[in-house]
Amino acid sequence: MHNLNHIIKFAIDMTLVGLISKNDKSAYREEVQRLTAWCKANSLSLNVDKTKEMVVDFRRAQSDHSQLFIDGSPVEIVKSTKFLGVHLEENFTWSHSTPPPSPRKPSNASISCGG
């Protein structure tokens, strides 16, 4: 490749799911660091501005989740996100995903498609 040319690659829609047990976030944080390093090693740009973190905490006494940083930039913590076309919420309610009930159609209704 000519030294004036640059190839820019983007990693699109990667998802990392981590389990934090006994309040030990080290394995999760290390996995984020490994993912960041993998992107760099494979010439992929990780857009931290578009990176989101959603925390699902099933404990009765929930505590604040410390901010995640990637390359010195903070990652936004969100309460809901879209994953494979499904809106997920931190408390696993489905209000974004479930459409409101619609009135029942009459039994003699028909649908025709034409061109």
N, C-alpha and C. Protein backbone atom coordinates (compact mmCIF):
# COMPACT_ATOMS: atom_id res chain seq x y z
N MET A 1 0.85 -1.18 0.00
CA MET A 1 0.00 0.00 0.00
C MET A 1 0.89 1.24 0.00
N HIS A 2 0.49 2.21 -0.75
CA HIS A 2 1.21 3.48 -0.84
C HIS A 2 1.13 4.19 0.51
N ASN A 3 2.22 4.85 0.92
CA ASN A 3 2.24 5.46 2.25
C ASN A 3 1.32 6.67 2.40
N LEU A 4 0.75 7.17 1.32
CA LEU A 4 -0.21 8.27 1.41
C LEU A 4 -1.65 7.78 1.51
N ASN A 5 -1.85 6.49 1.34
CA ASN A 5 -3.18 5.90 1.43
C ASN A 5 -3.38 5.26 2.79
N HIS A 6 -4.60 5.29 3.25
CA HIS A 6 -4.94 4.68 4.54
C HIS A 6 -6.20 3.85 4.37
N ILE A 7 -6.20 2.69 4.96
CA ILE A 7 -7.40 1.86 4.97
C ILE A 7 -8.04 2.01 6.34
N ILE A 8 -9.30 2.37 6.36
CA ILE A 8 -10.02 2.52 7.62
C ILE A 8 -11.11 1.46 7.66
N LYS A 9 -11.10 0.66 8.69
CA LYS A 9 -12.09 -0.40 8.86
C LYS A 9 -12.91 -0.08 10.11
N PHE A 10 -14.16 -0.47 10.09
CA PHE A 10 -15.04 -0.25 11.24
C PHE A 10 -15.63 -1.57 11.70
N ALA A 11 -15.66 -1.76 13.00
CA ALA A 11 -16.35 -2.91 13.59
C ALA A 11 -17.79 -2.47 13.82
N ILE A 12 -18.71 -3.20 13.27
CA ILE A 12 -20.12 -2.80 13.36
C ILE A 12 -20.87 -3.77 14.26
N ASP A 13 -21.59 -3.22 15.22
CA ASP A 13 -22.50 -3.98 16.07
C ASP A 13 -21.86 -5.16 16.78
N MET A 14 -20.81 -4.89 17.50
CA MET A 14 -20.25 -5.92 18.37
C MET A 14 -20.92 -5.80 19.73
N THR A 15 -21.13 -6.93 20.36
CA THR A 15 -21.77 -6.94 21.67
C THR A 15 -20.92 -7.78 22.61
N LEU A 16 -20.69 -7.23 23.79
CA LEU A 16 -19.96 -7.94 24.83
C LEU A 16 -20.91 -8.08 26.01
N VAL A 17 -21.13 -9.30 26.44
CA VAL A 17 -21.99 -9.57 27.60
C VAL A 17 -21.10 -10.12 28.69
N GLY A 18 -21.15 -9.50 29.87
CA GLY A 18 -20.31 -9.95 30.97
C GLY A 18 -21.14 -10.18 32.21
N LEU A 19 -20.74 -11.14 33.00
CA LEU A 19 -21.38 -11.42 34.28
C LEU A 19 -20.46 -10.93 35.39
N ILE A 20 -20.98 -10.04 36.20
CA ILE A 20 -20.22 -9.53 37.34
C ILE A 20 -20.73 -10.26 38.57
N SER A 21 -19.86 -11.03 39.19
CA SER A 21 -20.24 -11.84 40.35
C SER A 21 -19.47 -11.35 41.58
N LYS A 22 -20.17 -11.30 42.70
CA LYS A 22 -19.57 -10.88 43.97
C LYS A 22 -18.93 -9.50 43.86
N ASN A 23 -19.55 -8.65 43.06
CA ASN A 23 -19.13 -7.26 42.87
C ASN A 23 -17.71 -7.13 42.30
N ASP A 24 -17.21 -8.19 41.67
CA ASP A 24 -15.87 -8.18 41.07
C ASP A 24 -16.00 -7.89 39.58
N LYS A 25 -15.69 -6.67 39.19
CA LYS A 25 -15.83 -6.24 37.80
C LYS A 25 -14.56 -6.46 36.99
N SER A 26 -13.52 -7.02 37.60
CA SER A 26 -12.22 -7.09 36.93
C SER A 26 -12.25 -7.93 35.66
N ALA A 27 -12.93 -9.08 35.67
CA ALA A 27 -12.97 -9.94 34.47
C ALA A 27 -13.69 -9.22 33.32
N TYR A 28 -14.76 -8.51 33.64
CA TYR A 28 -15.51 -7.75 32.63
C TYR A 28 -14.64 -6.63 32.05
N ARG A 29 -13.99 -5.88 32.93
CA ARG A 29 -13.15 -4.76 32.49
C ARG A 29 -11.97 -5.26 31.65
N GLU A 30 -11.39 -6.39 32.05
CA GLU A 30 -10.29 -6.96 31.28
C GLU A 30 -10.77 -7.40 29.89
N GLU A 31 -11.99 -7.93 29.81
CA GLU A 31 -12.53 -8.34 28.51
C GLU A 31 -12.74 -7.13 27.61
N VAL A 32 -13.18 -6.02 28.17
CA VAL A 32 -13.32 -4.79 27.38
C VAL A 32 -11.95 -4.35 26.87
N GLN A 33 -10.93 -4.44 27.71
CA GLN A 33 -9.58 -4.07 27.28
C GLN A 33 -9.08 -5.00 26.17
N ARG A 34 -9.38 -6.31 26.31
CA ARG A 34 -8.97 -7.27 25.26
C ARG A 34 -9.69 -6.97 23.94
N LEU A 35 -10.97 -6.64 24.01
CA LEU A 35 -11.73 -6.31 22.81
C LEU A 35 -11.17 -5.05 22.14
N THR A 36 -10.83 -4.06 22.94
CA THR A 36 -10.25 -2.83 22.42
C THR A 36 -8.91 -3.12 21.75
N ALA A 37 -8.09 -3.93 22.39
CA ALA A 37 -6.79 -4.29 21.82
C ALA A 37 -6.96 -5.10 20.53
N TRP A 38 -7.95 -6.00 20.50
CA TRP A 38 -8.21 -6.80 19.31
C TRP A 38 -8.61 -5.90 18.14
N CYS A 39 -9.45 -4.91 18.40
CA CYS A 39 -9.85 -3.97 17.34
C CYS A 39 -8.63 -3.25 16.77
N LYS A 40 -7.76 -2.78 17.66
CA LYS A 40 -6.56 -2.08 17.21
C LYS A 40 -5.65 -3.02 16.41
N ALA A 41 -5.46 -4.24 16.90
CA ALA A 41 -4.59 -5.21 16.22
C ALA A 41 -5.11 -5.59 14.85
N ASN A 42 -6.41 -5.48 14.65
CA ASN A 42 -7.04 -5.84 13.38
C ASN A 42 -7.44 -4.62 12.56
N SER A 43 -6.83 -3.48 12.89
CA SER A 43 -7.06 -2.22 12.16
C SER A 43 -8.53 -1.83 12.11
N LEU A 44 -9.25 -2.05 13.20
CA LEU A 44 -10.65 -1.66 13.30
C LEU A 44 -10.79 -0.46 14.22
N SER A 45 -11.66 0.47 13.85
CA SER A 45 -11.92 1.64 14.68
C SER A 45 -13.10 1.37 15.58
N LEU A 46 -12.90 1.55 16.87
CA LEU A 46 -13.99 1.40 17.84
C LEU A 46 -14.47 2.79 18.20
N ASN A 47 -15.68 3.13 17.79
CA ASN A 47 -16.23 4.46 18.03
C ASN A 47 -16.82 4.51 19.44
N VAL A 48 -16.07 5.07 20.37
CA VAL A 48 -16.50 5.12 21.77
C VAL A 48 -17.75 5.98 21.92
N ASP A 49 -17.92 6.98 21.06
CA ASP A 49 -19.12 7.83 21.14
C ASP A 49 -20.40 7.04 20.85
N LYS A 50 -20.29 5.98 20.05
CA LYS A 50 -21.46 5.16 19.74
C LYS A 50 -21.54 3.91 20.62
N THR A 51 -20.54 3.71 21.46
CA THR A 51 -20.51 2.55 22.35
C THR A 51 -21.37 2.85 23.57
N LYS A 52 -22.21 1.91 23.93
CA LYS A 52 -23.12 2.07 25.07
C LYS A 52 -22.95 0.89 26.01
N GLU A 53 -23.21 1.13 27.28
CA GLU A 53 -23.17 0.07 28.27
C GLU A 53 -24.51 0.05 29.00
N MET A 54 -25.09 -1.14 29.10
CA MET A 54 -26.33 -1.30 29.85
C MET A 54 -26.07 -2.30 30.98
N VAL A 55 -26.43 -1.90 32.18
CA VAL A 55 -26.19 -2.73 33.35
C VAL A 55 -27.52 -3.32 33.80
N VAL A 56 -27.57 -4.64 33.90
CA VAL A 56 -28.74 -5.34 34.42
C VAL A 56 -28.34 -5.89 35.78
N ASP A 57 -28.98 -5.40 36.82
CA ASP A 57 -28.60 -5.77 38.19
C ASP A 57 -29.80 -6.39 38.88
N PHE A 58 -29.71 -7.68 39.20
CA PHE A 58 -30.81 -8.41 39.81
C PHE A 58 -30.76 -8.38 41.34
N ARG A 59 -29.75 -7.76 41.90
CA ARG A 59 -29.64 -7.73 43.36
C ARG A 59 -30.72 -6.85 43.97
N ARG A 60 -31.13 -7.19 45.18
CA ARG A 60 -32.12 -6.35 45.89
C ARG A 60 -31.53 -5.00 46.23
N ALA A 61 -30.32 -5.01 46.78
CA ALA A 61 -29.64 -3.77 47.13
C ALA A 61 -28.67 -3.42 46.00
N GLN A 62 -29.14 -2.64 45.06
CA GLN A 62 -28.32 -2.29 43.91
C GLN A 62 -27.39 -1.13 44.27
N SER A 63 -26.20 -1.17 43.72
CA SER A 63 -25.25 -0.10 43.94
C SER A 63 -24.93 0.58 42.62
N ASP A 64 -24.30 1.73 42.71
CA ASP A 64 -23.92 2.45 41.49
C ASP A 64 -22.86 1.67 40.74
N HIS A 65 -22.94 1.74 39.46
CA HIS A 65 -21.98 1.06 38.58
C HIS A 65 -20.94 2.09 38.18
N SER A 66 -19.67 1.79 38.39
CA SER A 66 -18.61 2.75 38.06
C SER A 66 -18.49 2.91 36.54
N GLN A 67 -18.14 4.12 36.16
CA GLN A 67 -18.03 4.49 34.74
C GLN A 67 -16.98 3.63 34.03
N LEU A 68 -17.30 3.16 32.84
CA LEU A 68 -16.37 2.42 31.99
C LEU A 68 -15.68 3.42 31.05
N PHE A 69 -14.38 3.27 30.89
CA PHE A 69 -13.62 4.12 29.98
C PHE A 69 -12.93 3.24 28.94
N ILE A 70 -12.94 3.70 27.70
CA ILE A 70 -12.20 3.04 26.63
C ILE A 70 -11.26 4.09 26.05
N ASP A 71 -9.98 3.80 26.11
CA ASP A 71 -8.94 4.73 25.64
C ASP A 71 -9.12 6.12 26.24
N GLY A 72 -9.48 6.17 27.51
CA GLY A 72 -9.61 7.44 28.22
C GLY A 72 -10.94 8.15 28.01
N SER A 73 -11.81 7.61 27.15
CA SER A 73 -13.11 8.23 26.89
C SER A 73 -14.20 7.47 27.64
N PRO A 74 -15.12 8.21 28.29
CA PRO A 74 -16.19 7.53 29.04
C PRO A 74 -17.21 6.89 28.11
N VAL A 75 -17.73 5.73 28.53
CA VAL A 75 -18.77 5.02 27.79
C VAL A 75 -20.09 5.36 28.46
N GLU A 76 -21.07 5.76 27.66
CA GLU A 76 -22.38 6.14 28.18
C GLU A 76 -23.12 4.92 28.73
N ILE A 77 -23.67 5.06 29.94
CA ILE A 77 -24.51 4.01 30.51
C ILE A 77 -25.96 4.33 30.14
N VAL A 78 -26.64 3.36 29.52
CA VAL A 78 -28.01 3.56 29.08
C VAL A 78 -28.95 2.63 29.83
N LYS A 79 -30.22 3.00 29.89
CA LYS A 79 -31.24 2.18 30.56
C LYS A 79 -31.91 1.21 29.60
N SER A 80 -31.75 1.45 28.29
CA SER A 80 -32.31 0.54 27.29
C SER A 80 -31.44 0.59 26.05
N THR A 81 -31.51 -0.49 25.27
CA THR A 81 -30.74 -0.56 24.03
C THR A 81 -31.45 -1.49 23.06
N LYS A 82 -31.12 -1.38 21.81
CA LYS A 82 -31.70 -2.26 20.80
C LYS A 82 -30.66 -3.31 20.44
N PHE A 83 -31.03 -4.57 20.53
CA PHE A 83 -30.12 -5.68 20.24
C PHE A 83 -30.85 -6.66 19.34
N LEU A 84 -30.33 -6.87 18.14
CA LEU A 84 -30.94 -7.76 17.15
C LEU A 84 -32.41 -7.44 16.92
N GLY A 85 -32.71 -6.14 16.87
CA GLY A 85 -34.06 -5.70 16.59
C GLY A 85 -35.00 -5.69 17.78
N VAL A 86 -34.51 -6.06 18.95
CA VAL A 86 -35.34 -6.11 20.15
C VAL A 86 -34.85 -5.05 21.12
N HIS A 87 -35.77 -4.26 21.65
CA HIS A 87 -35.41 -3.26 22.65
C HIS A 87 -35.31 -3.95 24.00
N LEU A 88 -34.13 -3.90 24.61
CA LEU A 88 -33.91 -4.46 25.93
C LEU A 88 -33.82 -3.33 26.94
N GLU A 89 -34.40 -3.54 28.11
CA GLU A 89 -34.34 -2.55 29.17
C GLU A 89 -33.65 -3.15 30.37
N GLU A 90 -33.03 -2.28 31.17
CA GLU A 90 -32.22 -2.74 32.29
C GLU A 90 -33.00 -3.57 33.31
N ASN A 91 -34.31 -3.39 33.39
CA ASN A 91 -35.12 -4.18 34.32
C ASN A 91 -35.93 -5.25 33.60
N PHE A 92 -35.62 -5.48 32.35
CA PHE A 92 -36.26 -6.49 31.49
C PHE A 92 -37.76 -6.31 31.33
N THR A 93 -38.23 -5.07 31.35
CA THR A 93 -39.60 -4.83 30.91
C THR A 93 -39.52 -4.63 29.40
N TRP A 94 -40.62 -4.83 28.72
CA TRP A 94 -40.60 -4.84 27.26
C TRP A 94 -41.44 -3.72 26.66
N SER A 95 -41.59 -2.61 27.35
CA SER A 95 -42.49 -1.57 26.88
C SER A 95 -42.07 -0.99 25.53
N HIS A 96 -40.78 -0.90 25.24
CA HIS A 96 -40.36 -0.39 23.93
C HIS A 96 -40.63 -1.41 22.83
N SER A 97 -40.57 -2.69 23.17
CA SER A 97 -40.69 -3.73 22.16
C SER A 97 -42.12 -4.13 21.87
N THR A 98 -42.98 -3.99 22.86
CA THR A 98 -44.34 -4.49 22.72
C THR A 98 -45.26 -3.38 22.24
N PRO A 99 -45.86 -3.56 21.08
CA PRO A 99 -46.78 -2.54 20.60
C PRO A 99 -48.06 -2.54 21.43
N PRO A 100 -48.74 -1.41 21.51
CA PRO A 100 -49.99 -1.38 22.26
C PRO A 100 -51.03 -2.29 21.61
N PRO A 101 -51.94 -2.86 22.40
CA PRO A 101 -52.95 -3.74 21.81
C PRO A 101 -53.81 -2.97 20.81
N SER A 102 -54.13 -3.62 19.71
CA SER A 102 -54.95 -2.97 18.71
C SER A 102 -56.37 -3.54 18.78
N PRO A 103 -57.33 -2.74 18.36
CA PRO A 103 -58.71 -3.24 18.37
C PRO A 103 -58.83 -4.47 17.47
N ARG A 104 -59.68 -5.38 17.87
CA ARG A 104 -59.87 -6.61 17.10
C ARG A 104 -60.54 -6.30 15.77
N LYS A 105 -60.04 -6.91 14.71
CA LYS A 105 -60.61 -6.68 13.38
C LYS A 105 -61.87 -7.51 13.23
N PRO A 106 -62.83 -6.97 12.50
CA PRO A 106 -64.04 -7.75 12.26
C PRO A 106 -63.72 -9.03 11.50
N SER A 107 -64.49 -10.07 11.74
CA SER A 107 -64.21 -11.38 11.14
C SER A 107 -64.40 -11.37 9.63
N ASN A 108 -65.11 -10.40 9.09
CA ASN A 108 -65.33 -10.37 7.64
C ASN A 108 -64.33 -9.45 6.93
N ALA A 109 -63.31 -8.99 7.64
CA ALA A 109 -62.33 -8.12 7.03
C ALA A 109 -61.46 -8.91 6.05
N SER A 110 -61.09 -8.29 4.97
CA SER A 110 -60.20 -8.93 4.01
C SER A 110 -59.10 -7.97 3.61
N ILE A 111 -58.00 -8.53 3.25
CA ILE A 111 -56.88 -7.72 2.81
C ILE A 111 -56.54 -8.15 1.39
N SER A 112 -56.43 -7.19 0.49
CA SER A 112 -56.04 -7.54 -0.87
C SER A 112 -54.82 -6.73 -1.25
N CYS A 113 -53.94 -7.38 -1.94
CA CYS A 113 -52.73 -6.70 -2.41
C CYS A 113 -52.77 -6.70 -3.93
N GLY A 114 -52.49 -5.60 -4.49
CA GLY A 114 -52.50 -5.51 -5.96
C GLY A 114 -51.40 -4.61 -6.45
N GLY A 115 -51.13 -4.70 -7.69
CA GLY A 115 -50.05 -3.90 -8.24
C GLY A 115 -50.52 -2.96 -9.29
